PDB file of N, CA and C in Angstrom:
ATOM      1  N   MET A   1      -7.261 -10.911  -9.293  1.00  0.00           N
ATOM      2  CA  MET A   1      -8.141  -9.768  -9.382  1.00  0.00           C
ATOM      3  C   MET A   1      -8.688  -9.396  -8.003  1.00  0.00           C
ATOM      4  N   ARG A   2      -8.865 -10.379  -7.139  1.00  0.00           N
ATOM      5  CA  ARG A   2      -9.442 -10.076  -5.830  1.00  0.00           C
ATOM      6  C   ARG A   2      -8.550  -9.155  -5.021  1.00  0.00           C
ATOM      7  N   TYR A   3      -7.237  -9.330  -5.127  1.00  0.00           N
ATOM      8  CA  TYR A   3      -6.327  -8.457  -4.386  1.00  0.00           C
ATOM      9  C   TYR A   3      -6.369  -7.035  -4.928  1.00  0.00           C
ATOM     10  N   GLN A   4      -6.439  -6.900  -6.236  1.00  0.00           N
ATOM     11  CA  GLN A   4      -6.511  -5.574  -6.844  1.00  0.00           C
ATOM     12  C   GLN A   4      -7.780  -4.862  -6.390  1.00  0.00           C
ATOM     13  N   GLN A   5      -8.898  -5.551  -6.420  1.00  0.00           N
ATOM     14  CA  GLN A   5     -10.158  -4.949  -5.982  1.00  0.00           C
ATOM     15  C   GLN A   5     -10.111  -4.599  -4.502  1.00  0.00           C
ATOM     16  N   ALA A   6      -9.518  -5.455  -3.705  1.00  0.00           N
ATOM     17  CA  ALA A   6      -9.387  -5.177  -2.273  1.00  0.00           C
ATOM     18  C   ALA A   6      -8.527  -3.945  -2.049  1.00  0.00           C
ATOM     19  N   SER A   7      -7.465  -3.810  -2.832  1.00  0.00           N
ATOM     20  CA  SER A   7      -6.580  -2.661  -2.715  1.00  0.00           C
ATOM     21  C   SER A   7      -7.341  -1.364  -2.967  1.00  0.00           C
ATOM     22  N   GLU A   8      -8.092  -1.332  -4.041  1.00  0.00           N
ATOM     23  CA  GLU A   8      -8.862  -0.142  -4.384  1.00  0.00           C
ATOM     24  C   GLU A   8      -9.930   0.146  -3.333  1.00  0.00           C
ATOM     25  N   HIS A   9     -10.571  -0.908  -2.835  1.00  0.00           N
ATOM     26  CA  HIS A   9     -11.588  -0.765  -1.784  1.00  0.00           C
ATOM     27  C   HIS A   9     -10.974  -0.186  -0.508  1.00  0.00           C
ATOM     28  N   PHE A  10      -9.819  -0.716  -0.108  1.00  0.00           N
ATOM     29  CA  PHE A  10      -9.181  -0.239   1.117  1.00  0.00           C
ATOM     30  C   PHE A  10      -8.769   1.223   1.010  1.00  0.00           C
ATOM     31  N   LEU A  11      -8.282   1.643  -0.145  1.00  0.00           N
ATOM     32  CA  LEU A  11      -7.899   3.042  -0.288  1.00  0.00           C
ATOM     33  C   LEU A  11      -9.130   3.949  -0.172  1.00  0.00           C
ATOM     34  N   ALA A  12     -10.209   3.565  -0.815  1.00  0.00           N
ATOM     35  CA  ALA A  12     -11.442   4.351  -0.707  1.00  0.00           C
ATOM     36  C   ALA A  12     -11.932   4.383   0.738  1.00  0.00           C
ATOM     37  N   GLN A  13     -11.858   3.251   1.415  1.00  0.00           N
ATOM     38  CA  GLN A  13     -12.269   3.182   2.823  1.00  0.00           C
ATOM     39  C   GLN A  13     -11.358   4.052   3.686  1.00  0.00           C
ATOM     40  N   ALA A  14     -10.071   4.062   3.383  1.00  0.00           N
ATOM     41  CA  ALA A  14      -9.121   4.894   4.135  1.00  0.00           C
ATOM     42  C   ALA A  14      -9.509   6.364   4.023  1.00  0.00           C
ATOM     43  N   ARG A  15      -9.869   6.786   2.835  1.00  0.00           N
ATOM     44  CA  ARG A  15     -10.281   8.182   2.630  1.00  0.00           C
ATOM     45  C   ARG A  15     -11.541   8.501   3.448  1.00  0.00           C
ATOM     46  N   ARG A  16     -12.475   7.561   3.500  1.00  0.00           N
ATOM     47  CA  ARG A  16     -13.696   7.786   4.292  1.00  0.00           C
ATOM     48  C   ARG A  16     -13.375   7.842   5.781  1.00  0.00           C
ATOM     49  N   GLU A  17     -12.520   6.934   6.240  1.00  0.00           N
ATOM     50  CA  GLU A  17     -12.142   6.922   7.658  1.00  0.00           C
ATOM     51  C   GLU A  17     -11.431   8.225   8.023  1.00  0.00           C
ATOM     52  N   TRP A  18     -10.565   8.710   7.126  1.00  0.00           N
ATOM     53  CA  TRP A  18      -9.867   9.976   7.370  1.00  0.00           C
ATOM     54  C   TRP A  18     -10.888  11.114   7.494  1.00  0.00           C
ATOM     55  N   ALA A  19     -11.832  11.165   6.574  1.00  0.00           N
ATOM     56  CA  ALA A  19     -12.849  12.226   6.584  1.00  0.00           C
ATOM     57  C   ALA A  19     -13.676  12.177   7.872  1.00  0.00           C
ATOM     58  N   ASP A  20     -13.864  10.982   8.408  1.00  0.00           N
ATOM     59  CA  ASP A  20     -14.602  10.813   9.665  1.00  0.00           C
ATOM     60  C   ASP A  20     -13.738  11.087  10.891  1.00  0.00           C
ATOM     61  N   GLY A  21     -12.438  11.336  10.670  1.00  0.00           N
ATOM     62  CA  GLY A  21     -11.540  11.636  11.778  1.00  0.00           C
ATOM     63  C   GLY A  21     -10.948  10.427  12.469  1.00  0.00           C
ATOM     64  N   ASP A  22     -11.157   9.254  11.906  1.00  0.00           N
ATOM     65  CA  ASP A  22     -10.607   8.034  12.511  1.00  0.00           C
ATOM     66  C   ASP A  22      -9.241   7.753  11.875  1.00  0.00           C
ATOM     67  N   LEU A  23      -8.228   8.442  12.372  1.00  0.00           N
ATOM     68  CA  LEU A  23      -6.896   8.356  11.782  1.00  0.00           C
ATOM     69  C   LEU A  23      -6.261   6.973  11.906  1.00  0.00           C
ATOM     70  N   PRO A  24      -6.419   6.276  13.041  1.00  0.00           N
ATOM     71  CA  PRO A  24      -5.843   4.928  13.095  1.00  0.00           C
ATOM     72  C   PRO A  24      -6.441   3.986  12.044  1.00  0.00           C
ATOM     73  N   GLN A  25      -7.753   4.031  11.882  1.00  0.00           N
ATOM     74  CA  GLN A  25      -8.376   3.153  10.889  1.00  0.00           C
ATOM     75  C   GLN A  25      -8.028   3.583   9.464  1.00  0.00           C
ATOM     76  N   ALA A  26      -7.970   4.882   9.238  1.00  0.00           N
ATOM     77  CA  ALA A  26      -7.556   5.373   7.913  1.00  0.00           C
ATOM     78  C   ALA A  26      -6.147   4.893   7.603  1.00  0.00           C
ATOM     79  N   SER A  27      -5.295   4.938   8.605  1.00  0.00           N
ATOM     80  CA  SER A  27      -3.910   4.499   8.442  1.00  0.00           C
ATOM     81  C   SER A  27      -3.840   3.018   8.103  1.00  0.00           C
ATOM     82  N   GLU A  28      -4.580   2.220   8.834  1.00  0.00           N
ATOM     83  CA  GLU A  28      -4.526   0.774   8.603  1.00  0.00           C
ATOM     84  C   GLU A  28      -5.096   0.406   7.238  1.00  0.00           C
ATOM     85  N   LYS A  29      -6.139   1.097   6.820  1.00  0.00           N
ATOM     86  CA  LYS A  29      -6.700   0.820   5.498  1.00  0.00           C
ATOM     87  C   LYS A  29      -5.720   1.246   4.403  1.00  0.00           C
ATOM     88  N   GLY A  30      -4.983   2.328   4.632  1.00  0.00           N
ATOM     89  CA  GLY A  30      -3.954   2.726   3.669  1.00  0.00           C
ATOM     90  C   GLY A  30      -2.879   1.667   3.543  1.00  0.00           C
ATOM     91  N   TRP A  31      -2.446   1.152   4.678  1.00  0.00           N
ATOM     92  CA  TRP A  31      -1.486   0.048   4.699  1.00  0.00           C
ATOM     93  C   TRP A  31      -2.061  -1.147   3.942  1.00  0.00           C
ATOM     94  N   GLY A  32      -3.299  -1.476   4.237  1.00  0.00           N
ATOM     95  CA  GLY A  32      -3.940  -2.619   3.591  1.00  0.00           C
ATOM     96  C   GLY A  32      -4.003  -2.468   2.087  1.00  0.00           C
ATOM     97  N   ALA A  33      -4.270  -1.258   1.619  1.00  0.00           N
ATOM     98  CA  ALA A  33      -4.322  -1.010   0.179  1.00  0.00           C
ATOM     99  C   ALA A  33      -2.986  -1.332  -0.475  1.00  0.00           C
ATOM    100  N   SER A  34      -1.901  -0.924   0.166  1.00  0.00           N
ATOM    101  CA  SER A  34      -0.576  -1.172  -0.417  1.00  0.00           C
ATOM    102  C   SER A  34      -0.234  -2.658  -0.399  1.00  0.00           C
ATOM    103  N   VAL A  35      -0.574  -3.329   0.666  1.00  0.00           N
ATOM    104  CA  VAL A  35      -0.257  -4.758   0.772  1.00  0.00           C
ATOM    105  C   VAL A  35      -1.061  -5.569  -0.244  1.00  0.00           C
ATOM    106  N   GLN A  36      -2.316  -5.204  -0.446  1.00  0.00           N
ATOM    107  CA  GLN A  36      -3.149  -5.974  -1.366  1.00  0.00           C
ATOM    108  C   GLN A  36      -2.638  -5.878  -2.811  1.00  0.00           C
ATOM    109  N   ILE A  37      -2.182  -4.702  -3.215  1.00  0.00           N
ATOM    110  CA  ILE A  37      -1.655  -4.594  -4.584  1.00  0.00           C
ATOM    111  C   ILE A  37      -0.353  -5.388  -4.715  1.00  0.00           C
ATOM    112  N   LEU A  38       0.444  -5.408  -3.646  1.00  0.00           N
ATOM    113  CA  LEU A  38       1.664  -6.221  -3.669  1.00  0.00           C
ATOM    114  C   LEU A  38       1.320  -7.705  -3.762  1.00  0.00           C
ATOM    115  N   LYS A  39       0.283  -8.128  -3.043  1.00  0.00           N
ATOM    116  CA  LYS A  39      -0.149  -9.523  -3.107  1.00  0.00           C
ATOM    117  C   LYS A  39      -0.600  -9.880  -4.531  1.00  0.00           C
ATOM    118  N   ALA A  40      -1.308  -8.952  -5.172  1.00  0.00           N
ATOM    119  CA  ALA A  40      -1.765  -9.207  -6.543  1.00  0.00           C
ATOM    120  C   ALA A  40      -0.583  -9.418  -7.478  1.00  0.00           C
ATOM    121  N   LEU A  41       0.416  -8.547  -7.358  1.00  0.00           N
ATOM    122  CA  LEU A  41       1.599  -8.663  -8.215  1.00  0.00           C
ATOM    123  C   LEU A  41       2.402  -9.912  -7.891  1.00  0.00           C
ATOM    124  N   ALA A  42       2.548 -10.212  -6.616  1.00  0.00           N
ATOM    125  CA  ALA A  42       3.294 -11.406  -6.218  1.00  0.00           C
ATOM    126  C   ALA A  42       2.600 -12.668  -6.718  1.00  0.00           C
ATOM    127  N   GLU A  43       1.301 -12.722  -6.552  1.00  0.00           N
ATOM    128  CA  GLU A  43       0.556 -13.894  -7.011  1.00  0.00           C
ATOM    129  C   GLU A  43       0.684 -14.055  -8.525  1.00  0.00           C
ATOM    130  N   GLN A  44       0.593 -12.952  -9.233  1.00  0.00           N
ATOM    131  CA  GLN A  44       0.711 -12.981 -10.696  1.00  0.00           C
ATOM    132  C   GLN A  44       2.061 -13.549 -11.131  1.00  0.00           C
ATOM    133  N   ARG A  45       3.092 -13.262 -10.352  1.00  0.00           N
ATOM    134  CA  ARG A  45       4.436 -13.690 -10.701  1.00  0.00           C
ATOM    135  C   ARG A  45       4.846 -15.002 -10.038  1.00  0.00           C
ATOM    136  N   GLY A  46       3.953 -15.583  -9.248  1.00  0.00           N
ATOM    137  CA  GLY A  46       4.241 -16.848  -8.591  1.00  0.00           C
ATOM    138  C   GLY A  46       5.132 -16.708  -7.366  1.00  0.00           C
ATOM    139  N   TRP A  47       5.139 -15.532  -6.759  1.00  0.00           N
ATOM    140  CA  TRP A  47       5.961 -15.272  -5.579  1.00  0.00           C
ATOM    141  C   TRP A  47       5.140 -15.477  -4.312  1.00  0.00           C
ATOM    142  N   GLU A  48       5.840 -15.849  -3.257  1.00  0.00           N
ATOM    143  CA  GLU A  48       5.205 -15.962  -1.940  1.00  0.00           C
ATOM    144  C   GLU A  48       4.645 -14.596  -1.539  1.00  0.00           C
ATOM    145  N   HIS A  49       3.509 -14.611  -0.821  1.00  0.00           N
ATOM    146  CA  HIS A  49       2.934 -13.336  -0.396  1.00  0.00           C
ATOM    147  C   HIS A  49       2.071 -13.444   0.855  1.00  0.00           C
ATOM    148  N   SER A  50       2.326 -14.444   1.662  1.00  0.00           N
ATOM    149  CA  SER A  50       1.469 -14.666   2.830  1.00  0.00           C
ATOM    150  C   SER A  50       2.004 -14.046   4.122  1.00  0.00           C
ATOM    151  N   ARG A  51       3.219 -13.540   4.122  1.00  0.00           N
ATOM    152  CA  ARG A  51       3.814 -12.981   5.345  1.00  0.00           C
ATOM    153  C   ARG A  51       4.353 -11.581   5.085  1.00  0.00           C
ATOM    154  N   HIS A  52       4.529 -10.848   6.179  1.00  0.00           N
ATOM    155  CA  HIS A  52       5.028  -9.482   6.083  1.00  0.00           C
ATOM    156  C   HIS A  52       6.367  -9.430   5.337  1.00  0.00           C
ATOM    157  N   ARG A  53       7.254 -10.345   5.640  1.00  0.00           N
ATOM    158  CA  ARG A  53       8.568 -10.317   4.981  1.00  0.00           C
ATOM    159  C   ARG A  53       8.446 -10.546   3.477  1.00  0.00           C
ATOM    160  N   HIS A  54       7.414 -11.256   3.053  1.00  0.00           N
ATOM    161  CA  HIS A  54       7.193 -11.461   1.622  1.00  0.00           C
ATOM    162  C   HIS A  54       6.874 -10.134   0.927  1.00  0.00           C
ATOM    163  N   HIS A  55       6.200  -9.238   1.623  1.00  0.00           N
ATOM    164  CA  HIS A  55       5.886  -7.931   1.025  1.00  0.00           C
ATOM    165  C   HIS A  55       7.176  -7.148   0.797  1.00  0.00           C
ATOM    166  N   LEU A  56       8.084  -7.236   1.759  1.00  0.00           N
ATOM    167  CA  LEU A  56       9.373  -6.556   1.613  1.00  0.00           C
ATOM    168  C   LEU A  56      10.161  -7.121   0.438  1.00  0.00           C
ATOM    169  N   ILE A  57      10.127  -8.428   0.291  1.00  0.00           N
ATOM    170  CA  ILE A  57      10.812  -9.079  -0.826  1.00  0.00           C
ATOM    171  C   ILE A  57      10.162  -8.672  -2.148  1.00  0.00           C
ATOM    172  N   THR A  58       8.836  -8.636  -2.175  1.00  0.00           N
ATOM    173  CA  THR A  58       8.130  -8.226  -3.385  1.00  0.00           C
ATOM    174  C   THR A  58       8.505  -6.802  -3.772  1.00  0.00           C
ATOM    175  N   VAL A  59       8.559  -5.901  -2.791  1.00  0.00           N
ATOM    176  CA  VAL A  59       8.949  -4.529  -3.074  1.00  0.00           C
ATOM    177  C   VAL A  59      10.353  -4.496  -3.669  1.00  0.00           C
ATOM    178  N   SER A  60      11.275  -5.247  -3.105  1.00  0.00           N
ATOM    179  CA  SER A  60      12.644  -5.286  -3.620  1.00  0.00           C
ATOM    180  C   SER A  60      12.685  -5.825  -5.049  1.00  0.00           C
ATOM    181  N   ARG A  61      11.926  -6.871  -5.292  1.00  0.00           N
ATOM    182  CA  ARG A  61      11.898  -7.452  -6.639  1.00  0.00           C
ATOM    183  C   ARG A  61      11.293  -6.488  -7.650  1.00  0.00           C
ATOM    184  N   LEU A  62      10.227  -5.811  -7.261  1.00  0.00           N
ATOM    185  CA  LEU A  62       9.591  -4.861  -8.178  1.00  0.00           C
ATOM    186  C   LEU A  62      10.488  -3.663  -8.434  1.00  0.00           C
ATOM    187  N   ARG A  63      11.210  -3.250  -7.424  1.00  0.00           N
ATOM    188  CA  ARG A  63      12.160  -2.152  -7.579  1.00  0.00           C
ATOM    189  C   ARG A  63      13.244  -2.553  -8.568  1.00  0.00           C
ATOM    190  N   ALA A  64      13.751  -3.776  -8.446  1.00  0.00           N
ATOM    191  CA  ALA A  64      14.782  -4.276  -9.361  1.00  0.00           C
ATOM    192  C   ALA A  64      14.214  -4.435 -10.774  1.00  0.00           C
ATOM    193  N   GLU A  65      12.988  -4.920 -10.864  1.00  0.00           N
ATOM    194  CA  GLU A  65      12.346  -5.147 -12.163  1.00  0.00           C
ATOM    195  C   GLU A  65      12.126  -3.840 -12.918  1.00  0.00           C
ATOM    196  N   THR A  66      11.736  -2.796 -12.198  1.00  0.00           N
ATOM    197  CA  THR A  66      11.365  -1.544 -12.844  1.00  0.00           C
ATOM    198  C   THR A  66      12.457  -0.480 -12.790  1.00  0.00           C
ATOM    199  N   GLY A  67      13.389  -0.611 -11.851  1.00  0.00           N
ATOM    200  CA  GLY A  67      14.389   0.428 -11.638  1.00  0.00           C
ATOM    201  C   GLY A  67      13.815   1.666 -10.966  1.00  0.00           C
ATOM    202  N   ASP A  68      12.633   1.556 -10.419  1.00  0.00           N
ATOM    203  CA  ASP A  68      11.910   2.694  -9.832  1.00  0.00           C
ATOM    204  C   ASP A  68      12.025   2.676  -8.305  1.00  0.00           C
ATOM    205  N   GLY A  69      12.885   3.529  -7.776  1.00  0.00           N
ATOM    206  CA  GLY A  69      13.080   3.626  -6.334  1.00  0.00           C
ATOM    207  C   GLY A  69      11.884   4.185  -5.591  1.00  0.00           C
ATOM    208  N   GLU A  70      10.975   4.824  -6.319  1.00  0.00           N
ATOM    209  CA  GLU A  70       9.774   5.360  -5.681  1.00  0.00           C
ATOM    210  C   GLU A  70       8.929   4.245  -5.063  1.00  0.00           C
ATOM    211  N   ILE A  71       8.998   3.064  -5.624  1.00  0.00           N
ATOM    212  CA  ILE A  71       8.211   1.949  -5.097  1.00  0.00           C
ATOM    213  C   ILE A  71       8.578   1.709  -3.648  1.00  0.00           C
ATOM    214  N   ARG A  72       9.855   1.629  -3.348  1.00  0.00           N
ATOM    215  CA  ARG A  72      10.288   1.391  -1.973  1.00  0.00           C
ATOM    216  C   ARG A  72       9.915   2.576  -1.077  1.00  0.00           C
ATOM    217  N   ARG A  73      10.144   3.790  -1.548  1.00  0.00           N
ATOM    218  CA  ARG A  73       9.845   4.973  -0.731  1.00  0.00           C
ATOM    219  C   ARG A  73       8.356   5.058  -0.418  1.00  0.00           C
ATOM    220  N   ARG A  74       7.537   4.821  -1.395  1.00  0.00           N
ATOM    221  CA  ARG A  74       6.082   4.874  -1.163  1.00  0.00           C
ATOM    222  C   ARG A  74       5.642   3.742  -0.232  1.00  0.00           C
ATOM    223  N   PHE A  75       6.241   2.579  -0.374  1.00  0.00           N
ATOM    224  CA  PHE A  75       5.901   1.473   0.517  1.00  0.00           C
ATOM    225  C   PHE A  75       6.345   1.788   1.945  1.00  0.00           C
ATOM    226  N   ASN A  76       7.473   2.443   2.102  1.00  0.00           N
ATOM    227  CA  ASN A  76       7.911   2.840   3.440  1.00  0.00           C
ATOM    228  C   ASN A  76       6.896   3.782   4.081  1.00  0.00           C
ATOM    229  N   THR A  77       6.304   4.644   3.305  1.00  0.00           N
ATOM    230  CA  THR A  77       5.251   5.517   3.824  1.00  0.00           C
ATOM    231  C   THR A  77       4.053   4.691   4.269  1.00  0.00           C
ATOM    232  N   ALA A  78       3.693   3.695   3.479  1.00  0.00           N
ATOM    233  CA  ALA A  78       2.586   2.814   3.859  1.00  0.00           C
ATOM    234  C   ALA A  78       2.914   2.079   5.154  1.00  0.00           C
ATOM    235  N   SER A  79       4.162   1.682   5.330  1.00  0.00           N
ATOM    236  CA  SER A  79       4.576   1.019   6.568  1.00  0.00           C
ATOM    237  C   SER A  79       4.422   1.956   7.760  1.00  0.00           C
ATOM    238  N   ALA A  80       4.704   3.240   7.554  1.00  0.00           N
ATOM    239  CA  ALA A  80       4.513   4.223   8.628  1.00  0.00           C
ATOM    240  C   ALA A  80       3.033   4.327   8.992  1.00  0.00           C
ATOM    241  N   LEU A  81       2.163   4.208   8.008  1.00  0.00           N
ATOM    242  CA  LEU A  81       0.731   4.192   8.305  1.00  0.00           C
ATOM    243  C   LEU A  81       0.364   2.992   9.159  1.00  0.00           C
ATOM    244  N   HIS A  82       0.946   1.856   8.848  1.00  0.00           N
ATOM    245  CA  HIS A  82       0.684   0.644   9.638  1.00  0.00           C
ATOM    246  C   HIS A  82       1.089   0.863  11.094  1.00  0.00           C
ATOM    247  N   GLU A  83       2.233   1.473  11.291  1.00  0.00           N
ATOM    248  CA  GLU A  83       2.680   1.788  12.653  1.00  0.00           C
ATOM    249  C   GLU A  83       1.728   2.776  13.319  1.00  0.00           C
ATOM    250  N   ASN A  84       1.224   3.726  12.550  1.00  0.00           N
ATOM    251  CA  ASN A  84       0.319   4.721  13.120  1.00  0.00           C
ATOM    252  C   ASN A  84      -0.979   4.097  13.621  1.00  0.00           C
ATOM    253  N   PHE A  85      -1.376   2.997  13.033  1.00  0.00           N
ATOM    254  CA  PHE A  85      -2.567   2.292  13.517  1.00  0.00           C
ATOM    255  C   PHE A  85      -2.395   1.944  14.993  1.00  0.00           C
ATOM    256  N   TYR A  86      -1.198   1.556  15.368  1.00  0.00           N
ATOM    257  CA  TYR A  86      -0.923   1.159  16.748  1.00  0.00           C
ATOM    258  C   TYR A  86      -0.574   2.340  17.650  1.00  0.00           C
ATOM    259  N   GLU A  87       0.138   3.309  17.118  1.00  0.00           N
ATOM    260  CA  GLU A  87       0.659   4.408  17.937  1.00  0.00           C
ATOM    261  C   GLU A  87      -0.190   5.678  17.894  1.00  0.00           C
ATOM    262  N   ASN A  88      -0.888   5.910  16.783  1.00  0.00           N
ATOM    263  CA  ASN A  88      -1.742   7.082  16.606  1.00  0.00           C
ATOM    264  C   ASN A  88      -1.016   8.388  16.939  1.00  0.00           C
ATOM    265  N   THR A  89       0.151   8.568  16.337  1.00  0.00           N
ATOM    266  CA  THR A  89       0.946   9.772  16.583  1.00  0.00           C
ATOM    267  C   THR A  89       0.972  10.730  15.395  1.00  0.00           C
ATOM    268  N   MET A  90       0.451  10.318  14.255  1.00  0.00           N
ATOM    269  CA  MET A  90       0.471  11.171  13.069  1.00  0.00           C
ATOM    270  C   MET A  90      -0.685  12.168  13.118  1.00  0.00           C
ATOM    271  N   HIS A  91      -0.422  13.361  12.630  1.00  0.00           N
ATOM    272  CA  HIS A  91      -1.465  14.376  12.491  1.00  0.00           C
ATOM    273  C   HIS A  91      -2.321  14.056  11.271  1.00  0.00           C
ATOM    274  N   ALA A  92      -3.489  14.615  11.238  1.00  0.00           N
ATOM    275  CA  ALA A  92      -4.416  14.363  10.135  1.00  0.00           C
ATOM    276  C   ALA A  92      -3.778  14.692   8.783  1.00  0.00           C
ATOM    277  N   SER A  93      -3.036  15.790   8.720  1.00  0.00           N
ATOM    278  CA  SER A  93      -2.406  16.170   7.450  1.00  0.00           C
ATOM    279  C   SER A  93      -1.354  15.145   7.028  1.00  0.00           C
ATOM    280  N   GLU A  94      -0.653  14.568   7.994  1.00  0.00           N
ATOM    281  CA  GLU A  94       0.357  13.550   7.673  1.00  0.00           C
ATOM    282  C   GLU A  94      -0.305  12.279   7.157  1.00  0.00           C
ATOM    283  N   VAL A  95      -1.406  11.909   7.767  1.00  0.00           N
ATOM    284  CA  VAL A  95      -2.130  10.719   7.293  1.00  0.00           C
ATOM    285  C   VAL A  95      -2.648  10.969   5.885  1.00  0.00           C
ATOM    286  N   SER A  96      -3.198  12.156   5.649  1.00  0.00           N
ATOM    287  CA  SER A  96      -3.710  12.489   4.323  1.00  0.00           C
ATOM    288  C   SER A  96      -2.609  12.427   3.270  1.00  0.00           C
ATOM    289  N   GLU A  97      -1.467  13.029   3.563  1.00  0.00           N
ATOM    290  CA  GLU A  97      -0.340  13.002   2.626  1.00  0.00           C
ATOM    291  C   GLU A  97       0.162  11.576   2.406  1.00  0.00           C
ATOM    292  N   SER A  98       0.146  10.793   3.458  1.00  0.00           N
ATOM    293  CA  SER A  98       0.583   9.400   3.339  1.00  0.00           C
ATOM    294  C   SER A  98      -0.388   8.598   2.485  1.00  0.00           C
ATOM    295  N   LEU A  99      -1.665   8.874   2.611  1.00  0.00           N
ATOM    296  CA  LEU A  99      -2.647   8.206   1.751  1.00  0.00           C
ATOM    297  C   LEU A  99      -2.449   8.612   0.295  1.00  0.00           C
ATOM    298  N   ASP A 100      -2.045   9.855   0.073  1.00  0.00           N
ATOM    299  CA  ASP A 100      -1.705  10.277  -1.290  1.00  0.00           C
ATOM    300  C   ASP A 100      -0.529   9.456  -1.820  1.00  0.00           C
ATOM    301  N   ASP A 101       0.448   9.178  -0.952  1.00  0.00           N
ATOM    302  CA  ASP A 101       1.593   8.351  -1.355  1.00  0.00           C
ATOM    303  C   ASP A 101       1.155   6.924  -1.673  1.00  0.00           C
ATOM    304  N   VAL A 102       0.234   6.399  -0.875  1.00  0.00           N
ATOM    305  CA  VAL A 102      -0.282   5.051  -1.152  1.00  0.00           C
ATOM    306  C   VAL A 102      -0.989   5.044  -2.508  1.00  0.00           C
ATOM    307  N   GLU A 103      -1.776   6.065  -2.771  1.00  0.00           N
ATOM    308  CA  GLU A 103      -2.447   6.148  -4.069  1.00  0.00           C
ATOM    309  C   GLU A 103      -1.426   6.225  -5.202  1.00  0.00           C
ATOM    310  N   ALA A 104      -0.362   6.979  -5.006  1.00  0.00           N
ATOM    311  CA  ALA A 104       0.701   7.064  -6.016  1.00  0.00           C
ATOM    312  C   ALA A 104       1.361   5.697  -6.209  1.00  0.00           C
ATOM    313  N   LEU A 105       1.542   4.957  -5.126  1.00  0.00           N
ATOM    314  CA  LEU A 105       2.105   3.609  -5.225  1.00  0.00           C
ATOM    315  C   LEU A 105       1.187   2.716  -6.051  1.00  0.00           C
ATOM    316  N   LEU A 106      -0.104   2.746  -5.752  1.00  0.00           N
ATOM    317  CA  LEU A 106      -1.047   1.946  -6.523  1.00  0.00           C
ATOM    318  C   LEU A 106      -1.009   2.330  -8.002  1.00  0.00           C
ATOM    319  N   ASN A 107      -0.920   3.622  -8.273  1.00  0.00           N
ATOM    320  CA  ASN A 107      -0.863   4.079  -9.665  1.00  0.00           C
ATOM    321  C   ASN A 107       0.399   3.602 -10.373  1.00  0.00           C
ATOM    322  N   LYS A 108       1.491   3.424  -9.631  1.00  0.00           N
ATOM    323  CA  LYS A 108       2.714   2.890 -10.215  1.00  0.00           C
ATOM    324  C   LYS A 108       2.609   1.380 -10.454  1.00  0.00           C
ATOM    325  N   LEU A 109       1.942   0.697  -9.541  1.00  0.00           N
ATOM    326  CA  LEU A 109       1.933  -0.758  -9.590  1.00  0.00           C
ATOM    327  C   LEU A 109       0.805  -1.346 -10.447  1.00  0.00           C
ATOM    328  N   LEU A 110      -0.305  -0.662 -10.536  1.00  0.00           N
ATOM    329  CA  LEU A 110      -1.413  -1.194 -11.347  1.00  0.00           C
ATOM    330  C   LEU A 110      -1.019  -1.489 -12.791  1.00  0.00           C
ATOM    331  N   PRO A 111      -0.256  -0.607 -13.453  1.00  0.00           N
ATOM    332  CA  PRO A 111       0.152  -0.933 -14.828  1.00  0.00           C
ATOM    333  C   PRO A 111       1.002  -2.203 -14.927  1.00  0.00           C
ATOM    334  N   LEU A 112       1.717  -2.544 -13.866  1.00  0.00           N
ATOM    335  CA  LEU A 112       2.507  -3.780 -13.880  1.00  0.00           C
ATOM    336  C   LEU A 112       1.593  -4.997 -13.896  1.00  0.00           C
ATOM    337  N   LEU A 113       0.437  -4.887 -13.283  1.00  0.00           N
ATOM    338  CA  LEU A 113      -0.560  -5.972 -13.339  1.00  0.00           C
ATOM    339  C   LEU A 113      -1.130  -6.100 -14.744  1.00  0.00           C
ATOM    340  N   GLU A 114      -1.357  -4.968 -15.366  1.00  0.00           N
ATOM    341  CA  GLU A 114      -1.989  -4.957 -16.683  1.00  0.00           C
ATOM    342  C   GLU A 114      -1.054  -5.434 -17.779  1.00  0.00           C
ATOM    343  N   GLN A 115       0.268  -5.396 -17.527  1.00  0.00           N
ATOM    344  CA  GLN A 115       1.237  -5.822 -18.540  1.00  0.00           C
ATOM    345  C   GLN A 115       1.229  -7.324 -18.750  1.00  0.00           C
ATOM    346  N   SER A 116       0.837  -8.048 -17.740  1.00  0.00           N
ATOM    347  CA  SER A 116       0.904  -9.519 -17.845  1.00  0.00           C
ATOM    348  C   SER A 116      -0.408 -10.120 -18.237  1.00  0.00           C
TER     349      SER A 116
END
């Protein structure tokens, strides 16, 4: 439950950071939101989740489990946000749209937590 709550908290924080014009921090919080929900699902299923590569494996497993390719695409958007934290090259509208994708990812993954 702690990862799920952290995920929701990070997304809300990302929206606040975006509104304040802090695009790098908004980006990193968006990334954090996606990773935390993946950690929740991985932990629930007994999968490793302590390293970056574990998140990629979790995404692949969830994609195979659900047949939903959107999971990978939305996670790739979250990864771009993570990169933006370091590079700060995305425009405000791109960060906003990417945060929408992260929210869509959370909306896809939250029901998978509730099923178990």
